C-alpha atoms as a PDB file:
ATOM      1  CA  MET A   1      80.879 115.334  69.179  1.00  0.00           C
ATOM      2  CA  LYS A   2      78.823 112.423  67.816  1.00  0.00           C
ATOM      3  CA  LYS A   3      80.453 110.051  70.309  1.00  0.00           C
ATOM      4  CA  ILE A   4      79.564 112.341  73.204  1.00  0.00           C
ATOM      5  CA  ALA A   5      75.968 112.628  71.980  1.00  0.00           C
ATOM      6  CA  ILE A   6      75.679 108.833  71.638  1.00  0.00           C
ATOM      7  CA  LEU A   7      77.214 108.292  75.078  1.00  0.00           C
ATOM      8  CA  LEU A   8      74.844 110.856  76.584  1.00  0.00           C
ATOM      9  CA  LEU A   9      71.862 109.214  74.886  1.00  0.00           C
ATOM     10  CA  LEU A  10      72.870 105.737  76.117  1.00  0.00           C
ATOM     11  CA  THR A  11      73.359 107.093  79.629  1.00  0.00           C
ATOM     12  CA  ILE A  12      69.874 108.604  79.615  1.00  0.00           C
ATOM     13  CA  ILE A  13      68.335 105.377  78.304  1.00  0.00           C
ATOM     14  CA  PHE A  14      70.058 103.070  80.812  1.00  0.00           C
ATOM     15  CA  LEU A  15      70.045 105.400  83.826  1.00  0.00           C
ATOM     16  CA  PRO A  16      66.677 104.141  85.150  1.00  0.00           C
ATOM     17  CA  PHE A  17      68.001 100.586  85.160  1.00  0.00           C
ATOM     18  CA  THR A  18      71.183 101.354  87.036  1.00  0.00           C
ATOM     19  CA  SER A  19      69.930 103.929  89.515  1.00  0.00           C
ATOM     20  CA  ASN A  20      67.747 101.392  91.341  1.00  0.00           C
ATOM     21  CA  ALA A  21      69.996  98.395  90.823  1.00  0.00           C
ATOM     22  CA  ILE A  22      69.705  95.688  93.448  1.00  0.00           C
ATOM     23  CA  SER A  23      72.476  93.235  94.147  1.00  0.00           C
ATOM     24  CA  LEU A  24      72.873  90.527  96.759  1.00  0.00           C
ATOM     25  CA  ASN A  25      75.591  92.630  98.376  1.00  0.00           C
ATOM     26  CA  VAL A  26      73.204  95.612  98.707  1.00  0.00           C
ATOM     27  CA  LEU A  27      70.487  93.430 100.255  1.00  0.00           C
ATOM     28  CA  LYS A  28      72.853  91.843 102.769  1.00  0.00           C
ATOM     29  CA  SER A  29      74.803  94.973 103.699  1.00  0.00           C
ATOM     30  CA  HIS A  30      71.771  97.194 104.426  1.00  0.00           C
ATOM     31  CA  PRO A  31      69.635  95.451 107.072  1.00  0.00           C
ATOM     32  CA  GLU A  32      68.139  98.823 107.970  1.00  0.00           C
ATOM     33  CA  LEU A  33      66.557  98.918 104.478  1.00  0.00           C
ATOM     34  CA  TYR A  34      66.023  95.235 103.640  1.00  0.00           C
ATOM     35  CA  THR A  35      64.754  92.842 106.295  1.00  0.00           C
ATOM     36  CA  PRO A  36      65.514  89.146 105.754  1.00  0.00           C
ATOM     37  CA  ILE A  37      62.466  86.894 106.105  1.00  0.00           C
ATOM     38  CA  PRO A  38      63.224  83.334 107.220  1.00  0.00           C
ATOM     39  CA  THR A  39      62.066  80.691 104.772  1.00  0.00           C
ATOM     40  CA  LYS A  40      62.614  76.985 104.404  1.00  0.00           C
ATOM     41  CA  GLN A  41      62.831  77.142 100.615  1.00  0.00           C
ATOM     42  CA  ASN A  42      66.134  77.120  98.732  1.00  0.00           C
ATOM     43  CA  MET A  43      66.127  80.902  98.495  1.00  0.00           C
ATOM     44  CA  SER A  44      66.417  84.059 100.535  1.00  0.00           C
ATOM     45  CA  ILE A  45      63.695  86.655 100.870  1.00  0.00           C
ATOM     46  CA  TYR A  46      64.306  90.284 101.753  1.00  0.00           C
ATOM     47  CA  TYR A  47      61.489  92.661 102.579  1.00  0.00           C
ATOM     48  CA  GLU A  48      61.627  96.428 102.067  1.00  0.00           C
ATOM     49  CA  PRO A  49      59.567  97.942 104.921  1.00  0.00           C
ATOM     50  CA  SER A  50      59.769 101.500 103.582  1.00  0.00           C
ATOM     51  CA  GLN A  51      57.800 100.457 100.496  1.00  0.00           C
ATOM     52  CA  THR A  52      54.845  99.011 102.431  1.00  0.00           C
ATOM     53  CA  LYS A  53      51.569 100.803 101.722  1.00  0.00           C
ATOM     54  CA  VAL A  54      48.104 100.209 103.137  1.00  0.00           C
ATOM     55  CA  ILE A  55      45.779 100.242 100.141  1.00  0.00           C
ATOM     56  CA  GLN A  56      42.579  99.208 101.899  1.00  0.00           C
ATOM     57  CA  TYR A  57      41.570  99.322 105.543  1.00  0.00           C
ATOM     58  CA  ASN A  58      37.975  98.117 105.713  1.00  0.00           C
ATOM     59  CA  PRO A  59      37.766  95.467 108.451  1.00  0.00           C
ATOM     60  CA  PRO A  60      37.458  92.570 108.035  1.00  0.00           C
ATOM     61  CA  TYR A  61      39.157  93.262 104.674  1.00  0.00           C
ATOM     62  CA  TYR A  62      42.648  94.661 104.269  1.00  0.00           C
ATOM     63  CA  THR A  63      44.998  95.215 101.318  1.00  0.00           C
ATOM     64  CA  ILE A  64      48.717  95.899 101.652  1.00  0.00           C
ATOM     65  CA  GLU A  65      51.182  96.662  98.841  1.00  0.00           C
ATOM     66  CA  THR A  66      54.665  95.259  99.408  1.00  0.00           C
ATOM     67  CA  THR A  67      58.058  95.164  97.741  1.00  0.00           C
ATOM     68  CA  SER A  68      60.159  92.088  98.380  1.00  0.00           C
ATOM     69  CA  TYR A  69      63.233  90.467  96.884  1.00  0.00           C
ATOM     70  CA  TYR A  70      63.389  86.739  96.190  1.00  0.00           C
ATOM     71  CA  VAL A  71      66.977  85.575  95.800  1.00  0.00           C
ATOM     72  CA  ALA A  72      67.204  82.392  93.721  1.00  0.00           C
ATOM     73  CA  TYR A  73      70.808  81.294  94.097  1.00  0.00           C
ATOM     74  CA  GLN A  74      70.503  78.398  91.658  1.00  0.00           C
ATOM     75  CA  TYR A  75      69.517  80.864  88.895  1.00  0.00           C
ATOM     76  CA  ASN A  76      71.905  83.643  89.962  1.00  0.00           C
ATOM     77  CA  THR A  77      68.852  85.923  90.048  1.00  0.00           C
ATOM     78  CA  ILE A  78      67.018  88.373  92.289  1.00  0.00           C
ATOM     79  CA  ALA A  79      63.336  88.995  91.592  1.00  0.00           C
ATOM     80  CA  GLU A  80      62.150  92.368  92.893  1.00  0.00           C
ATOM     81  CA  VAL A  81      58.409  91.829  93.289  1.00  0.00           C
ATOM     82  CA  THR A  82      55.680  94.351  93.980  1.00  0.00           C
ATOM     83  CA  THR A  83      52.631  92.489  95.278  1.00  0.00           C
ATOM     84  CA  TYR A  84      49.200  93.432  96.570  1.00  0.00           C
ATOM     85  CA  TYR A  85      48.092  91.137  99.397  1.00  0.00           C
ATOM     86  CA  ASN A  86      44.385  90.957 100.222  1.00  0.00           C
ATOM     87  CA  TYR A  87      43.443  89.700 103.691  1.00  0.00           C
ATOM     88  CA  ASP A  88      40.091  88.437 104.960  1.00  0.00           C
ATOM     89  CA  TRP A  89      40.194  88.670 108.756  1.00  0.00           C
ATOM     90  CA  ASN A  90      37.441  86.034 108.995  1.00  0.00           C
ATOM     91  CA  ASN A  91      40.140  83.497 108.057  1.00  0.00           C
ATOM     92  CA  SER A  92      42.924  84.903 110.241  1.00  0.00           C
ATOM     93  CA  ILE A  93      44.517  82.593 112.779  1.00  0.00           C
ATOM     94  CA  GLU A  94      43.205  84.749 115.639  1.00  0.00           C
ATOM     95  CA  ASN A  95      39.624  84.581 114.376  1.00  0.00           C
ATOM     96  CA  LEU A  96      39.793  80.841 113.603  1.00  0.00           C
ATOM     97  CA  ILE A  97      41.091  80.081 117.109  1.00  0.00           C
ATOM     98  CA  ARG A  98      38.345  82.240 118.604  1.00  0.00           C
ATOM     99  CA  GLU A  99      35.687  80.397 116.559  1.00  0.00           C
ATOM    100  CA  ALA A 100      37.166  77.013 117.513  1.00  0.00           C
ATOM    101  CA  ALA A 101      37.161  77.963 121.209  1.00  0.00           C
ATOM    102  CA  ILE A 102      33.519  79.047 121.046  1.00  0.00           C
ATOM    103  CA  GLU A 103      32.629  75.833 119.236  1.00  0.00           C
ATOM    104  CA  VAL A 104      34.417  73.732 121.860  1.00  0.00           C
ATOM    105  CA  LEU A 105      32.683  75.606 124.693  1.00  0.00           C
ATOM    106  CA  ASN A 106      29.280  75.074 123.078  1.00  0.00           C
ATOM    107  CA  GLU A 107      29.754  71.356 122.437  1.00  0.00           C
ATOM    108  CA  LYS A 108      29.446  68.660 125.010  1.00  0.00           C
ATOM    109  CA  PRO A 109      32.761  66.856 125.189  1.00  0.00           C
ATOM    110  CA  SER A 110      32.633  63.162 124.582  1.00  0.00           C
ATOM    111  CA  LYS A 111      33.715  60.681 127.206  1.00  0.00           C
ATOM    112  CA  ASP A 112      37.037  60.511 125.460  1.00  0.00           C
ATOM    113  CA  TYR A 113      38.234  64.088 126.018  1.00  0.00           C
ATOM    114  CA  GLU A 114      41.571  63.441 124.269  1.00  0.00           C
ATOM    115  CA  TYR A 115      39.740  62.428 121.089  1.00  0.00           C
ATOM    116  CA  PHE A 116      37.513  65.510 121.355  1.00  0.00           C
ATOM    117  CA  GLU A 117      40.522  67.807 121.745  1.00  0.00           C
ATOM    118  CA  THR A 118      42.348  66.169 118.821  1.00  0.00           C
ATOM    119  CA  ALA A 119      39.271  66.412 116.590  1.00  0.00           C
ATOM    120  CA  SER A 120      38.926  70.139 117.419  1.00  0.00           C
ATOM    121  CA  ARG A 121      42.580  70.785 116.557  1.00  0.00           C
ATOM    122  CA  LYS A 122      42.264  68.836 113.321  1.00  0.00           C
ATOM    123  CA  LYS A 123      39.201  70.831 112.322  1.00  0.00           C
ATOM    124  CA  LEU A 124      41.041  74.108 113.030  1.00  0.00           C
ATOM    125  CA  ALA A 125      44.066  72.997 110.984  1.00  0.00           C
ATOM    126  CA  GLU A 126      41.842  71.974 108.069  1.00  0.00           C
ATOM    127  CA  LYS A 127      40.162  75.392 108.039  1.00  0.00           C
ATOM    128  CA  LEU A 128      43.524  77.134 108.137  1.00  0.00           C
ATOM    129  CA  PHE A 129      45.122  75.064 105.374  1.00  0.00           C
ATOM    130  CA  ASN A 130      42.039  75.042 103.134  1.00  0.00           C
ATOM    131  CA  ASN A 131      41.805  78.835 103.071  1.00  0.00           C
ATOM    132  CA  SER A 132      44.625  81.017 104.363  1.00  0.00           C
ATOM    133  CA  GLY A 133      42.450  84.123 104.071  1.00  0.00           C
ATOM    134  CA  ILE A 134      45.113  85.733 101.898  1.00  0.00           C
ATOM    135  CA  THR A 135      45.129  86.284  98.156  1.00  0.00           C
ATOM    136  CA  LYS A 136      47.731  88.113  96.130  1.00  0.00           C
ATOM    137  CA  VAL A 137      47.700  90.135  92.965  1.00  0.00           C
ATOM    138  CA  GLY A 138      50.987  90.709  91.227  1.00  0.00           C
ATOM    139  CA  GLY A 139      52.186  94.160  90.328  1.00  0.00           C
ATOM    140  CA  THR A 140      55.563  94.178  88.611  1.00  0.00           C
ATOM    141  CA  THR A 141      58.627  91.961  88.767  1.00  0.00           C
ATOM    142  CA  THR A 142      62.086  93.238  87.933  1.00  0.00           C
ATOM    143  CA  TYR A 143      64.856  90.677  87.527  1.00  0.00           C
ATOM    144  CA  TRP A 144      68.450  91.370  88.511  1.00  0.00           C
ATOM    145  CA  ALA A 145      71.576  89.237  88.447  1.00  0.00           C
ATOM    146  CA  LEU A 146      73.114  88.691  91.899  1.00  0.00           C
ATOM    147  CA  ASN A 147      75.793  91.272  91.015  1.00  0.00           C
ATOM    148  CA  GLY A 148      73.122  93.933  90.298  1.00  0.00           C
ATOM    149  CA  ASP A 149      73.008  93.740  86.507  1.00  0.00           C
ATOM    150  CA  TYR A 150      69.532  94.487  85.157  1.00  0.00           C
ATOM    151  CA  LEU A 151      67.938  91.520  83.356  1.00  0.00           C
ATOM    152  CA  ASN A 152      64.317  92.431  82.552  1.00  0.00           C
ATOM    153  CA  ARG A 153      60.978  93.674  83.877  1.00  0.00           C
ATOM    154  CA  GLU A 154      57.485  92.290  83.491  1.00  0.00           C
ATOM    155  CA  GLN A 155      53.963  93.250  84.467  1.00  0.00           C
ATOM    156  CA  ASN A 156      52.258  90.442  86.379  1.00  0.00           C
ATOM    157  CA  ASP A 157      48.694  89.251  85.896  1.00  0.00           C
ATOM    158  CA  ASN A 158      46.007  91.037  87.852  1.00  0.00           C
ATOM    159  CA  ILE A 159      44.359  87.741  88.713  1.00  0.00           C
ATOM    160  CA  PRO A 160      44.006  87.105  92.462  1.00  0.00           C
ATOM    161  CA  THR A 161      45.593  83.829  93.525  1.00  0.00           C
ATOM    162  CA  GLU A 162      45.340  82.152  96.904  1.00  0.00           C
ATOM    163  CA  VAL A 163      48.394  82.305  99.127  1.00  0.00           C
ATOM    164  CA  LYS A 164      49.127  78.879 100.594  1.00  0.00           C
ATOM    165  CA  ILE A 165      50.287  78.520 104.184  1.00  0.00           C
ATOM    166  CA  SER A 166      54.073  77.915 104.453  1.00  0.00           C
ATOM    167  CA  SER A 167      54.754  79.350 100.966  1.00  0.00           C
ATOM    168  CA  PRO A 168      57.265  82.186 100.482  1.00  0.00           C
ATOM    169  CA  ALA A 169      54.336  84.505  99.656  1.00  0.00           C
ATOM    170  CA  SER A 170      52.688  83.557 102.958  1.00  0.00           C
ATOM    171  CA  SER A 171      55.850  84.543 104.834  1.00  0.00           C
ATOM    172  CA  VAL A 172      55.940  87.939 103.105  1.00  0.00           C
ATOM    173  CA  ALA A 173      52.184  88.536 103.542  1.00  0.00           C
ATOM    174  CA  ASN A 174      52.314  87.670 107.235  1.00  0.00           C
ATOM    175  CA  PHE A 175      55.419  89.802 107.767  1.00  0.00           C
ATOM    176  CA  ALA A 176      53.719  92.787 106.095  1.00  0.00           C
ATOM    177  CA  PHE A 177      50.561  92.381 108.177  1.00  0.00           C
ATOM    178  CA  LYS A 178      52.636  92.194 111.383  1.00  0.00           C
ATOM    179  CA  GLN A 179      54.583  95.301 110.375  1.00  0.00           C
ATOM    180  CA  VAL A 180      51.426  97.338 109.732  1.00  0.00           C
ATOM    181  CA  TYR A 181      49.038  96.023 112.417  1.00  0.00           C
ATOM    182  CA  ASN A 182      51.445  94.625 115.054  1.00  0.00           C
ATOM    183  CA  LYS A 183      49.878  91.153 115.052  1.00  0.00           C
ATOM    184  CA  PRO A 184      50.259  88.093 112.850  1.00  0.00           C
ATOM    185  CA  PHE A 185      47.583  87.232 110.332  1.00  0.00           C
ATOM    186  CA  THR A 186      48.409  83.552 110.014  1.00  0.00           C
ATOM    187  CA  LEU A 187      50.899  80.975 111.235  1.00  0.00           C
ATOM    188  CA  ASP A 188      54.534  81.232 110.228  1.00  0.00           C
ATOM    189  CA  ILE A 189      55.290  77.623 109.362  1.00  0.00           C
ATOM    190  CA  LYS A 190      58.905  77.137 108.375  1.00  0.00           C
END
């Protein structure tokens, strides 16, 4: 009787960890639930569209909550990450291109048009890379082994950090924005 009670108690304690277990096999074999996001880093990223939530819709400011899975093969680990992405449309690629076009139309081109065009592109790229217009605030991270074994869970800092263009977070943030609003927020640089 004691053994049954102990087994029942252990089952109740560990049930939350096994009921939502994520393994590499689950991520790969359910593309309808987990969308792979291309990345140039030495990892795989899977995005869970059903967990996307719009937290704030107040143009030009937007906030989207996401759940994504970062597969780090070299560490035999999957990080299930809940993140809140904050977007400032004033720094979106669409808005920056619009501003650059207006600026070009209002300026008198120099005699060397090629130089003028190159300078305009450089200025646009500098704006984009200096401020992506996206910050992120971490929610929780749950770590799993590739086979689905639970490792641990941690609460992330609530400190907004800038999302750099071409980072894995930028890929996830842009993917989420496209899913919700049907247009990219920034460039997908792989």
